[in-house]
Amino acid sequence: MKNPEIKQEASMLVDLLRRSLSQMEKITKMYSLSNDLRGVEKDEFNRLIRLCEGSYRDDIDRLRWWINYLMLERIEGKLRYESNDRYTLQPEDFEFHCGSSIEVYNDGEWHFGRVEYDHDPKSKCHGYYFCGSHNFALKPGMKAAIRRNTSIRD
């Protein structure tokens, strides 16, 4: 590198990455801290730990996306099936479409994913369903949540 300013910036970036990676190696020790957390806070914390230690470790953009997502205002409610064949989050009246981000409480834990639609009437997830680490049909009354940027209102 010929430009001394670029060389200095690159050196600072390399140093920052080295420090970050050395801290990330300590991440597995953080699991014990999650024992004091409950509900969605525990699930959020464990999600961040898994992102730091696991398959996304090299994908800083994905980690940044999740951190930004989890920092958004969280609005929790129940799913309601509407007469237009769509689900809304009550009491917010937020209407879900294919691709909408959603968090659903199912089998004792929160799942992070999106809403999709299956047109096959023989499918176990016929109609709107949750798509994430597990796929399952959405049902009226399910506990669900959305994240909203508080600086931007629809």
Foldseek 3Di string as FASTA:
>chain_A
DPDPVVVVVVVVVVVVVVVVLVVLVCLVVCLVVLVPPDAPVSVLSVVLSCCCPHDNVVPVVVSVVSVVQVPFDKDKAWWDQDPVRWIAGPPVRHTFDFPAWKWFQDPHHIFTAHWHADCDPVDQQHGIWGDGPDIHHGDGGTMMMHGDHPVDDD
